[in-house]
ModelCIF file with pLDDT and N, C-alpha, C, O atoms, coordinates in Angstrom:
data_MODEL
#
_entry.id   MODEL 
#
_entity.id                         1 
_entity.type                       polymer 
_entity.pdbx_number_of_molecules   1 
#
_entity_poly.entity_id                      1 
_entity_poly.type                           'polypeptide(L)' 
_entity_poly.nstd_linkage                   no 
_entity_poly.nstd_monomer                   no 
_entity_poly.pdbx_seq_one_letter_code       NTVVHLSIHSFTPILNDSVRNCDIGLLYDSSNQQEKKIALQL 
_entity_poly.pdbx_seq_one_letter_code_can   NTVVHLSIHSFTPILNDSVRNCDIGLLYDSSNQQEKKIALQL 
_entity_poly.pdbx_strand_id                 A 
#
loop_
_entity_poly_seq.entity_id 
_entity_poly_seq.num 
_entity_poly_seq.mon_id 
_entity_poly_seq.hetero 
1 1  ASN n 
1 2  THR n 
1 3  VAL n 
1 4  VAL n 
1 5  HIS n 
1 6  LEU n 
1 7  SER n 
1 8  ILE n 
1 9  HIS n 
1 10 SER n 
1 11 PHE n 
1 12 THR n 
1 13 PRO n 
1 14 ILE n 
1 15 LEU n 
1 16 ASN n 
1 17 ASP n 
1 18 SER n 
1 19 VAL n 
1 20 ARG n 
1 21 ASN n 
1 22 CYS n 
1 23 ASP n 
1 24 ILE n 
1 25 GLY n 
1 26 LEU n 
1 27 LEU n 
1 28 TYR n 
1 29 ASP n 
1 30 SER n 
1 31 SER n 
1 32 ASN n 
1 33 GLN n 
1 34 GLN n 
1 35 GLU n 
1 36 LYS n 
1 37 LYS n 
1 38 ILE n 
1 39 ALA n 
1 40 LEU n 
1 41 GLN n 
1 42 LEU n 
#
_struct_asym.id          A 
_struct_asym.entity_id   1 
#
loop_
_ma_qa_metric.id 
_ma_qa_metric.mode 
_ma_qa_metric.name 
_ma_qa_metric.software_group_id 
_ma_qa_metric.type 
1 global pLDDT . pLDDT 
2 local  pLDDT . pLDDT 
#
_ma_qa_metric_global.metric_id      1 
_ma_qa_metric_global.metric_value   96.40 
_ma_qa_metric_global.model_id       1 
_ma_qa_metric_global.ordinal_id     1 
#
loop_
_ma_qa_metric_local.label_asym_id 
_ma_qa_metric_local.label_comp_id 
_ma_qa_metric_local.label_seq_id 
_ma_qa_metric_local.metric_id 
_ma_qa_metric_local.metric_value 
_ma_qa_metric_local.model_id 
_ma_qa_metric_local.ordinal_id 
A ASN 1  2 97.00 1 1  
A THR 2  2 97.00 1 2  
A VAL 3  2 98.00 1 3  
A VAL 4  2 98.00 1 4  
A HIS 5  2 98.00 1 5  
A LEU 6  2 98.00 1 6  
A SER 7  2 98.00 1 7  
A ILE 8  2 98.00 1 8  
A HIS 9  2 98.00 1 9  
A SER 10 2 98.00 1 10 
A PHE 11 2 97.00 1 11 
A THR 12 2 96.00 1 12 
A PRO 13 2 96.00 1 13 
A ILE 14 2 94.00 1 14 
A LEU 15 2 92.00 1 15 
A ASN 16 2 89.00 1 16 
A ASP 17 2 89.00 1 17 
A SER 18 2 91.00 1 18 
A VAL 19 2 95.00 1 19 
A ARG 20 2 96.00 1 20 
A ASN 21 2 95.00 1 21 
A CYS 22 2 97.00 1 22 
A ASP 23 2 97.00 1 23 
A ILE 24 2 98.00 1 24 
A GLY 25 2 98.00 1 25 
A LEU 26 2 98.00 1 26 
A LEU 27 2 98.00 1 27 
A TYR 28 2 98.00 1 28 
A ASP 29 2 97.00 1 29 
A SER 30 2 95.00 1 30 
A SER 31 2 96.00 1 31 
A ASN 32 2 96.00 1 32 
A GLN 33 2 96.00 1 33 
A GLN 34 2 96.00 1 34 
A GLU 35 2 98.00 1 35 
A LYS 36 2 97.00 1 36 
A LYS 37 2 97.00 1 37 
A ILE 38 2 97.00 1 38 
A ALA 39 2 98.00 1 39 
A LEU 40 2 98.00 1 40 
A GLN 41 2 98.00 1 41 
A LEU 42 2 98.00 1 42 
#
loop_
_atom_site.group_PDB 
_atom_site.id 
_atom_site.type_symbol 
_atom_site.label_atom_id 
_atom_site.label_alt_id 
_atom_site.label_comp_id 
_atom_site.label_asym_id 
_atom_site.label_entity_id 
_atom_site.label_seq_id 
_atom_site.pdbx_PDB_ins_code 
_atom_site.Cartn_x 
_atom_site.Cartn_y 
_atom_site.Cartn_z 
_atom_site.occupancy 
_atom_site.B_iso_or_equiv 
_atom_site.pdbx_formal_charge 
_atom_site.auth_seq_id 
_atom_site.auth_comp_id 
_atom_site.auth_asym_id 
_atom_site.auth_atom_id 
_atom_site.pdbx_PDB_model_num 
ATOM 1   N N  . ASN A 1 1  ? -23.377 42.202 -119.178 1.00 97.00 ? 1  ASN A N  1 
ATOM 2   C CA . ASN A 1 1  ? -24.696 41.952 -119.760 1.00 97.00 ? 1  ASN A CA 1 
ATOM 3   C C  . ASN A 1 1  ? -24.595 41.835 -121.273 1.00 97.00 ? 1  ASN A C  1 
ATOM 4   O O  . ASN A 1 1  ? -23.721 42.431 -121.902 1.00 97.00 ? 1  ASN A O  1 
ATOM 5   N N  . THR A 1 2  ? -25.503 41.056 -121.844 1.00 97.00 ? 2  THR A N  1 
ATOM 6   C CA . THR A 1 2  ? -25.713 41.084 -123.285 1.00 97.00 ? 2  THR A CA 1 
ATOM 7   C C  . THR A 1 2  ? -26.881 42.020 -123.555 1.00 97.00 ? 2  THR A C  1 
ATOM 8   O O  . THR A 1 2  ? -27.946 41.890 -122.951 1.00 97.00 ? 2  THR A O  1 
ATOM 9   N N  . VAL A 1 3  ? -26.673 42.957 -124.461 1.00 98.00 ? 3  VAL A N  1 
ATOM 10  C CA . VAL A 1 3  ? -27.692 43.961 -124.763 1.00 98.00 ? 3  VAL A CA 1 
ATOM 11  C C  . VAL A 1 3  ? -28.429 43.600 -126.051 1.00 98.00 ? 3  VAL A C  1 
ATOM 12  O O  . VAL A 1 3  ? -27.815 43.364 -127.091 1.00 98.00 ? 3  VAL A O  1 
ATOM 13  N N  . VAL A 1 4  ? -29.757 43.562 -125.958 1.00 98.00 ? 4  VAL A N  1 
ATOM 14  C CA . VAL A 1 4  ? -30.607 43.459 -127.143 1.00 98.00 ? 4  VAL A CA 1 
ATOM 15  C C  . VAL A 1 4  ? -31.195 44.845 -127.385 1.00 98.00 ? 4  VAL A C  1 
ATOM 16  O O  . VAL A 1 4  ? -31.974 45.351 -126.577 1.00 98.00 ? 4  VAL A O  1 
ATOM 17  N N  . HIS A 1 5  ? -30.818 45.443 -128.492 1.00 98.00 ? 5  HIS A N  1 
ATOM 18  C CA . HIS A 1 5  ? -31.226 46.809 -128.817 1.00 98.00 ? 5  HIS A CA 1 
ATOM 19  C C  . HIS A 1 5  ? -32.251 46.767 -129.955 1.00 98.00 ? 5  HIS A C  1 
ATOM 20  O O  . HIS A 1 5  ? -31.941 46.333 -131.065 1.00 98.00 ? 5  HIS A O  1 
ATOM 21  N N  . LEU A 1 6  ? -33.471 47.222 -129.668 1.00 98.00 ? 6  LEU A N  1 
ATOM 22  C CA . LEU A 1 6  ? -34.518 47.324 -130.682 1.00 98.00 ? 6  LEU A CA 1 
ATOM 23  C C  . LEU A 1 6  ? -34.681 48.789 -131.062 1.00 98.00 ? 6  LEU A C  1 
ATOM 24  O O  . LEU A 1 6  ? -35.030 49.622 -130.226 1.00 98.00 ? 6  LEU A O  1 
ATOM 25  N N  . SER A 1 7  ? -34.428 49.090 -132.316 1.00 98.00 ? 7  SER A N  1 
ATOM 26  C CA . SER A 1 7  ? -34.549 50.451 -132.834 1.00 98.00 ? 7  SER A CA 1 
ATOM 27  C C  . SER A 1 7  ? -35.835 50.533 -133.651 1.00 98.00 ? 7  SER A C  1 
ATOM 28  O O  . SER A 1 7  ? -35.976 49.854 -134.668 1.00 98.00 ? 7  SER A O  1 
ATOM 29  N N  . ILE A 1 8  ? -36.781 51.376 -133.198 1.00 98.00 ? 8  ILE A N  1 
ATOM 30  C CA . ILE A 1 8  ? -38.123 51.394 -133.779 1.00 98.00 ? 8  ILE A CA 1 
ATOM 31  C C  . ILE A 1 8  ? -38.224 52.421 -134.907 1.00 98.00 ? 8  ILE A C  1 
ATOM 32  O O  . ILE A 1 8  ? -37.918 53.600 -134.730 1.00 98.00 ? 8  ILE A O  1 
ATOM 33  N N  . HIS A 1 9  ? -38.662 51.937 -136.070 1.00 98.00 ? 9  HIS A N  1 
ATOM 34  C CA . HIS A 1 9  ? -38.812 52.794 -137.251 1.00 98.00 ? 9  HIS A CA 1 
ATOM 35  C C  . HIS A 1 9  ? -40.127 52.459 -137.960 1.00 98.00 ? 9  HIS A C  1 
ATOM 36  O O  . HIS A 1 9  ? -40.840 51.532 -137.575 1.00 98.00 ? 9  HIS A O  1 
ATOM 37  N N  . SER A 1 10 ? -40.427 53.230 -138.996 1.00 98.00 ? 10 SER A N  1 
ATOM 38  C CA . SER A 1 10 ? -41.580 52.912 -139.844 1.00 98.00 ? 10 SER A CA 1 
ATOM 39  C C  . SER A 1 10 ? -41.241 53.259 -141.285 1.00 98.00 ? 10 SER A C  1 
ATOM 40  O O  . SER A 1 10 ? -40.330 54.043 -141.550 1.00 98.00 ? 10 SER A O  1 
ATOM 41  N N  . PHE A 1 11 ? -41.984 52.665 -142.212 1.00 97.00 ? 11 PHE A N  1 
ATOM 42  C CA . PHE A 1 11 ? -41.713 52.909 -143.629 1.00 97.00 ? 11 PHE A CA 1 
ATOM 43  C C  . PHE A 1 11 ? -43.002 53.220 -144.383 1.00 97.00 ? 11 PHE A C  1 
ATOM 44  O O  . PHE A 1 11 ? -44.076 52.726 -144.043 1.00 97.00 ? 11 PHE A O  1 
ATOM 45  N N  . THR A 1 12 ? -42.867 54.047 -145.409 1.00 96.00 ? 12 THR A N  1 
ATOM 46  C CA . THR A 1 12 ? -44.026 54.414 -146.217 1.00 96.00 ? 12 THR A CA 1 
ATOM 47  C C  . THR A 1 12 ? -44.497 53.200 -147.020 1.00 96.00 ? 12 THR A C  1 
ATOM 48  O O  . THR A 1 12 ? -43.667 52.478 -147.574 1.00 96.00 ? 12 THR A O  1 
ATOM 49  N N  . PRO A 1 13 ? -45.819 52.956 -147.096 1.00 96.00 ? 13 PRO A N  1 
ATOM 50  C CA . PRO A 1 13 ? -46.316 51.753 -147.775 1.00 96.00 ? 13 PRO A CA 1 
ATOM 51  C C  . PRO A 1 13 ? -46.079 51.743 -149.282 1.00 96.00 ? 13 PRO A C  1 
ATOM 52  O O  . PRO A 1 13 ? -46.053 50.680 -149.902 1.00 96.00 ? 13 PRO A O  1 
ATOM 53  N N  . ILE A 1 14 ? -45.905 52.928 -149.871 1.00 94.00 ? 14 ILE A N  1 
ATOM 54  C CA . ILE A 1 14 ? -45.640 53.027 -151.307 1.00 94.00 ? 14 ILE A CA 1 
ATOM 55  C C  . ILE A 1 14 ? -44.452 53.947 -151.521 1.00 94.00 ? 14 ILE A C  1 
ATOM 56  O O  . ILE A 1 14 ? -44.446 55.073 -151.025 1.00 94.00 ? 14 ILE A O  1 
ATOM 57  N N  . LEU A 1 15 ? -43.458 53.489 -152.245 1.00 92.00 ? 15 LEU A N  1 
ATOM 58  C CA . LEU A 1 15 ? -42.291 54.301 -152.550 1.00 92.00 ? 15 LEU A CA 1 
ATOM 59  C C  . LEU A 1 15 ? -41.984 54.189 -154.040 1.00 92.00 ? 15 LEU A C  1 
ATOM 60  O O  . LEU A 1 15 ? -41.801 53.091 -154.567 1.00 92.00 ? 15 LEU A O  1 
ATOM 61  N N  . ASN A 1 16 ? -41.930 55.335 -154.709 1.00 89.00 ? 16 ASN A N  1 
ATOM 62  C CA . ASN A 1 16 ? -41.668 55.374 -156.156 1.00 89.00 ? 16 ASN A CA 1 
ATOM 63  C C  . ASN A 1 16 ? -42.643 54.479 -156.920 1.00 89.00 ? 16 ASN A C  1 
ATOM 64  O O  . ASN A 1 16 ? -42.258 53.743 -157.828 1.00 89.00 ? 16 ASN A O  1 
ATOM 65  N N  . ASP A 1 17 ? -43.916 54.561 -156.528 1.00 89.00 ? 17 ASP A N  1 
ATOM 66  C CA . ASP A 1 17 ? -45.017 53.817 -157.160 1.00 89.00 ? 17 ASP A CA 1 
ATOM 67  C C  . ASP A 1 17 ? -44.970 52.311 -156.907 1.00 89.00 ? 17 ASP A C  1 
ATOM 68  O O  . ASP A 1 17 ? -45.753 51.562 -157.490 1.00 89.00 ? 17 ASP A O  1 
ATOM 69  N N  . SER A 1 18 ? -44.064 51.865 -156.045 1.00 91.00 ? 18 SER A N  1 
ATOM 70  C CA . SER A 1 18 ? -43.982 50.444 -155.716 1.00 91.00 ? 18 SER A CA 1 
ATOM 71  C C  . SER A 1 18 ? -44.567 50.194 -154.334 1.00 91.00 ? 18 SER A C  1 
ATOM 72  O O  . SER A 1 18 ? -44.206 50.868 -153.369 1.00 91.00 ? 18 SER A O  1 
ATOM 73  N N  . VAL A 1 19 ? -45.482 49.214 -154.240 1.00 95.00 ? 19 VAL A N  1 
ATOM 74  C CA . VAL A 1 19 ? -46.104 48.876 -152.966 1.00 95.00 ? 19 VAL A CA 1 
ATOM 75  C C  . VAL A 1 19 ? -45.161 47.983 -152.175 1.00 95.00 ? 19 VAL A C  1 
ATOM 76  O O  . VAL A 1 19 ? -44.670 46.979 -152.692 1.00 95.00 ? 19 VAL A O  1 
ATOM 77  N N  . ARG A 1 20 ? -44.909 48.346 -150.924 1.00 96.00 ? 20 ARG A N  1 
ATOM 78  C CA . ARG A 1 20 ? -44.090 47.516 -150.048 1.00 96.00 ? 20 ARG A CA 1 
ATOM 79  C C  . ARG A 1 20 ? -44.972 46.417 -149.459 1.00 96.00 ? 20 ARG A C  1 
ATOM 80  O O  . ARG A 1 20 ? -45.923 46.702 -148.731 1.00 96.00 ? 20 ARG A O  1 
ATOM 81  N N  . ASN A 1 21 ? -44.659 45.185 -149.770 1.00 95.00 ? 21 ASN A N  1 
ATOM 82  C CA . ASN A 1 21 ? -45.480 44.055 -149.355 1.00 95.00 ? 21 ASN A CA 1 
ATOM 83  C C  . ASN A 1 21 ? -44.986 43.495 -148.034 1.00 95.00 ? 21 ASN A C  1 
ATOM 84  O O  . ASN A 1 21 ? -44.312 42.466 -147.990 1.00 95.00 ? 21 ASN A O  1 
ATOM 85  N N  . CYS A 1 22 ? -45.335 44.197 -146.947 1.00 97.00 ? 22 CYS A N  1 
ATOM 86  C CA . CYS A 1 22 ? -44.846 43.801 -145.625 1.00 97.00 ? 22 CYS A CA 1 
ATOM 87  C C  . CYS A 1 22 ? -45.592 44.599 -144.557 1.00 97.00 ? 22 CYS A C  1 
ATOM 88  O O  . CYS A 1 22 ? -45.920 45.768 -144.761 1.00 97.00 ? 22 CYS A O  1 
ATOM 89  N N  . ASP A 1 23 ? -45.858 43.959 -143.420 1.00 97.00 ? 23 ASP A N  1 
ATOM 90  C CA . ASP A 1 23 ? -46.435 44.664 -142.275 1.00 97.00 ? 23 ASP A CA 1 
ATOM 91  C C  . ASP A 1 23 ? -45.352 45.088 -141.288 1.00 97.00 ? 23 ASP A C  1 
ATOM 92  O O  . ASP A 1 23 ? -45.326 46.225 -140.816 1.00 97.00 ? 23 ASP A O  1 
ATOM 93  N N  . ILE A 1 24 ? -44.462 44.149 -140.989 1.00 98.00 ? 24 ILE A N  1 
ATOM 94  C CA . ILE A 1 24 ? -43.388 44.386 -140.029 1.00 98.00 ? 24 ILE A CA 1 
ATOM 95  C C  . ILE A 1 24 ? -42.089 43.850 -140.615 1.00 98.00 ? 24 ILE A C  1 
ATOM 96  O O  . ILE A 1 24 ? -42.008 42.687 -141.011 1.00 98.00 ? 24 ILE A O  1 
ATOM 97  N N  . GLY A 1 25 ? -41.084 44.698 -140.667 1.00 98.00 ? 25 GLY A N  1 
ATOM 98  C CA . GLY A 1 25 ? -39.766 44.272 -141.131 1.00 98.00 ? 25 GLY A CA 1 
ATOM 99  C C  . GLY A 1 25 ? -38.799 44.160 -139.967 1.00 98.00 ? 25 GLY A C  1 
ATOM 100 O O  . GLY A 1 25 ? -38.770 45.025 -139.091 1.00 98.00 ? 25 GLY A O  1 
ATOM 101 N N  . LEU A 1 26 ? -38.013 43.103 -139.957 1.00 98.00 ? 26 LEU A N  1 
ATOM 102 C CA . LEU A 1 26 ? -36.992 42.906 -138.928 1.00 98.00 ? 26 LEU A CA 1 
ATOM 103 C C  . LEU A 1 26 ? -35.625 42.963 -139.606 1.00 98.00 ? 26 LEU A C  1 
ATOM 104 O O  . LEU A 1 26 ? -35.268 42.078 -140.384 1.00 98.00 ? 26 LEU A O  1 
ATOM 105 N N  . LEU A 1 27 ? -34.873 44.008 -139.301 1.00 98.00 ? 27 LEU A N  1 
ATOM 106 C CA . LEU A 1 27 ? -33.595 44.237 -139.956 1.00 98.00 ? 27 LEU A CA 1 
ATOM 107 C C  . LEU A 1 27 ? -32.455 43.842 -139.035 1.00 98.00 ? 27 LEU A C  1 
ATOM 108 O O  . LEU A 1 27 ? -32.394 44.282 -137.887 1.00 98.00 ? 27 LEU A O  1 
ATOM 109 N N  . TYR A 1 28 ? -31.552 43.012 -139.541 1.00 98.00 ? 28 TYR A N  1 
ATOM 110 C CA . TYR A 1 28 ? -30.423 42.550 -138.730 1.00 98.00 ? 28 TYR A CA 1 
ATOM 111 C C  . TYR A 1 28 ? -29.293 42.119 -139.654 1.00 98.00 ? 28 TYR A C  1 
ATOM 112 O O  . TYR A 1 28 ? -29.462 42.068 -140.872 1.00 98.00 ? 28 TYR A O  1 
ATOM 113 N N  . ASP A 1 29 ? -28.152 41.812 -139.074 1.00 97.00 ? 29 ASP A N  1 
ATOM 114 C CA . ASP A 1 29 ? -27.008 41.312 -139.834 1.00 97.00 ? 29 ASP A CA 1 
ATOM 115 C C  . ASP A 1 29 ? -27.153 39.801 -139.965 1.00 97.00 ? 29 ASP A C  1 
ATOM 116 O O  . ASP A 1 29 ? -27.023 39.072 -138.981 1.00 97.00 ? 29 ASP A O  1 
ATOM 117 N N  . SER A 1 30 ? -27.419 39.337 -141.166 1.00 95.00 ? 30 SER A N  1 
ATOM 118 C CA . SER A 1 30 ? -27.677 37.909 -141.383 1.00 95.00 ? 30 SER A CA 1 
ATOM 119 C C  . SER A 1 30 ? -26.460 37.035 -141.086 1.00 95.00 ? 30 SER A C  1 
ATOM 120 O O  . SER A 1 30 ? -26.601 35.823 -140.921 1.00 95.00 ? 30 SER A O  1 
ATOM 121 N N  . SER A 1 31 ? -25.281 37.625 -141.016 1.00 96.00 ? 31 SER A N  1 
ATOM 122 C CA . SER A 1 31 ? -24.083 36.842 -140.695 1.00 96.00 ? 31 SER A CA 1 
ATOM 123 C C  . SER A 1 31 ? -23.859 36.733 -139.185 1.00 96.00 ? 31 SER A C  1 
ATOM 124 O O  . SER A 1 31 ? -22.977 36.006 -138.728 1.00 96.00 ? 31 SER A O  1 
ATOM 125 N N  . ASN A 1 32 ? -24.673 37.469 -138.420 1.00 96.00 ? 32 ASN A N  1 
ATOM 126 C CA . ASN A 1 32 ? -24.574 37.435 -136.961 1.00 96.00 ? 32 ASN A CA 1 
ATOM 127 C C  . ASN A 1 32 ? -25.588 36.430 -136.429 1.00 96.00 ? 32 ASN A C  1 
ATOM 128 O O  . ASN A 1 32 ? -26.794 36.671 -136.492 1.00 96.00 ? 32 ASN A O  1 
ATOM 129 N N  . GLN A 1 33 ? -25.110 35.319 -135.912 1.00 96.00 ? 33 GLN A N  1 
ATOM 130 C CA . GLN A 1 33 ? -26.007 34.238 -135.506 1.00 96.00 ? 33 GLN A CA 1 
ATOM 131 C C  . GLN A 1 33 ? -26.904 34.616 -134.331 1.00 96.00 ? 33 GLN A C  1 
ATOM 132 O O  . GLN A 1 33 ? -28.041 34.153 -134.250 1.00 96.00 ? 33 GLN A O  1 
ATOM 133 N N  . GLN A 1 34 ? -26.407 35.450 -133.422 1.00 96.00 ? 34 GLN A N  1 
ATOM 134 C CA . GLN A 1 34 ? -27.244 35.887 -132.307 1.00 96.00 ? 34 GLN A CA 1 
ATOM 135 C C  . GLN A 1 34 ? -28.406 36.747 -132.791 1.00 96.00 ? 34 GLN A C  1 
ATOM 136 O O  . GLN A 1 34 ? -29.546 36.572 -132.362 1.00 96.00 ? 34 GLN A O  1 
ATOM 137 N N  . GLU A 1 35 ? -28.098 37.675 -133.689 1.00 98.00 ? 35 GLU A N  1 
ATOM 138 C CA . GLU A 1 35 ? -29.152 38.534 -134.228 1.00 98.00 ? 35 GLU A CA 1 
ATOM 139 C C  . GLU A 1 35 ? -30.150 37.723 -135.044 1.00 98.00 ? 35 GLU A C  1 
ATOM 140 O O  . GLU A 1 35 ? -31.357 37.955 -134.970 1.00 98.00 ? 35 GLU A O  1 
ATOM 141 N N  . LYS A 1 36 ? -29.650 36.787 -135.809 1.00 97.00 ? 36 LYS A N  1 
ATOM 142 C CA . LYS A 1 36 ? -30.517 35.931 -136.607 1.00 97.00 ? 36 LYS A CA 1 
ATOM 143 C C  . LYS A 1 36 ? -31.465 35.140 -135.713 1.00 97.00 ? 36 LYS A C  1 
ATOM 144 O O  . LYS A 1 36 ? -32.648 34.997 -136.024 1.00 97.00 ? 36 LYS A O  1 
ATOM 145 N N  . LYS A 1 37 ? -30.944 34.630 -134.607 1.00 97.00 ? 37 LYS A N  1 
ATOM 146 C CA . LYS A 1 37 ? -31.752 33.842 -133.672 1.00 97.00 ? 37 LYS A CA 1 
ATOM 147 C C  . LYS A 1 37 ? -32.862 34.686 -133.048 1.00 97.00 ? 37 LYS A C  1 
ATOM 148 O O  . LYS A 1 37 ? -34.012 34.251 -132.986 1.00 97.00 ? 37 LYS A O  1 
ATOM 149 N N  . ILE A 1 38 ? -32.520 35.899 -132.582 1.00 97.00 ? 38 ILE A N  1 
ATOM 150 C CA . ILE A 1 38 ? -33.514 36.772 -131.959 1.00 97.00 ? 38 ILE A CA 1 
ATOM 151 C C  . ILE A 1 38 ? -34.570 37.191 -132.972 1.00 97.00 ? 38 ILE A C  1 
ATOM 152 O O  . ILE A 1 38 ? -35.759 37.211 -132.653 1.00 97.00 ? 38 ILE A O  1 
ATOM 153 N N  . ALA A 1 39 ? -34.153 37.524 -134.184 1.00 98.00 ? 39 ALA A N  1 
ATOM 154 C CA . ALA A 1 39 ? -35.107 37.926 -135.226 1.00 98.00 ? 39 ALA A CA 1 
ATOM 155 C C  . ALA A 1 39 ? -36.072 36.785 -135.540 1.00 98.00 ? 39 ALA A C  1 
ATOM 156 O O  . ALA A 1 39 ? -37.273 37.003 -135.694 1.00 98.00 ? 39 ALA A O  1 
ATOM 157 N N  . LEU A 1 40 ? -35.536 35.566 -135.635 1.00 98.00 ? 40 LEU A N  1 
ATOM 158 C CA . LEU A 1 40 ? -36.381 34.405 -135.920 1.00 98.00 ? 40 LEU A CA 1 
ATOM 159 C C  . LEU A 1 40 ? -37.357 34.153 -134.777 1.00 98.00 ? 40 LEU A C  1 
ATOM 160 O O  . LEU A 1 40 ? -38.530 33.870 -135.018 1.00 98.00 ? 40 LEU A O  1 
ATOM 161 N N  . GLN A 1 41 ? -36.887 34.252 -133.546 1.00 98.00 ? 41 GLN A N  1 
ATOM 162 C CA . GLN A 1 41 ? -37.760 34.057 -132.384 1.00 98.00 ? 41 GLN A CA 1 
ATOM 163 C C  . GLN A 1 41 ? -38.859 35.108 -132.339 1.00 98.00 ? 41 GLN A C  1 
ATOM 164 O O  . GLN A 1 41 ? -40.001 34.803 -131.993 1.00 98.00 ? 41 GLN A O  1 
ATOM 165 N N  . LEU A 1 42 ? -38.520 36.338 -132.684 1.00 98.00 ? 42 LEU A N  1 
ATOM 166 C CA . LEU A 1 42 ? -39.509 37.414 -132.674 1.00 98.00 ? 42 LEU A CA 1 
ATOM 167 C C  . LEU A 1 42 ? -40.565 37.203 -133.748 1.00 98.00 ? 42 LEU A C  1 
ATOM 168 O O  . LEU A 1 42 ? -41.479 38.016 -133.884 1.00 98.00 ? 42 LEU A O  1 
#
């Protein structure tokens, strides 16, 4: 099988007085084409 592993996290909207401008972040290895494809599809 090929495994797609989604690890669920959350982030504080403000860190060190800086506002994080994002609702949902998708973190992956940009050099991995499979991960890049799944992230883009999502």
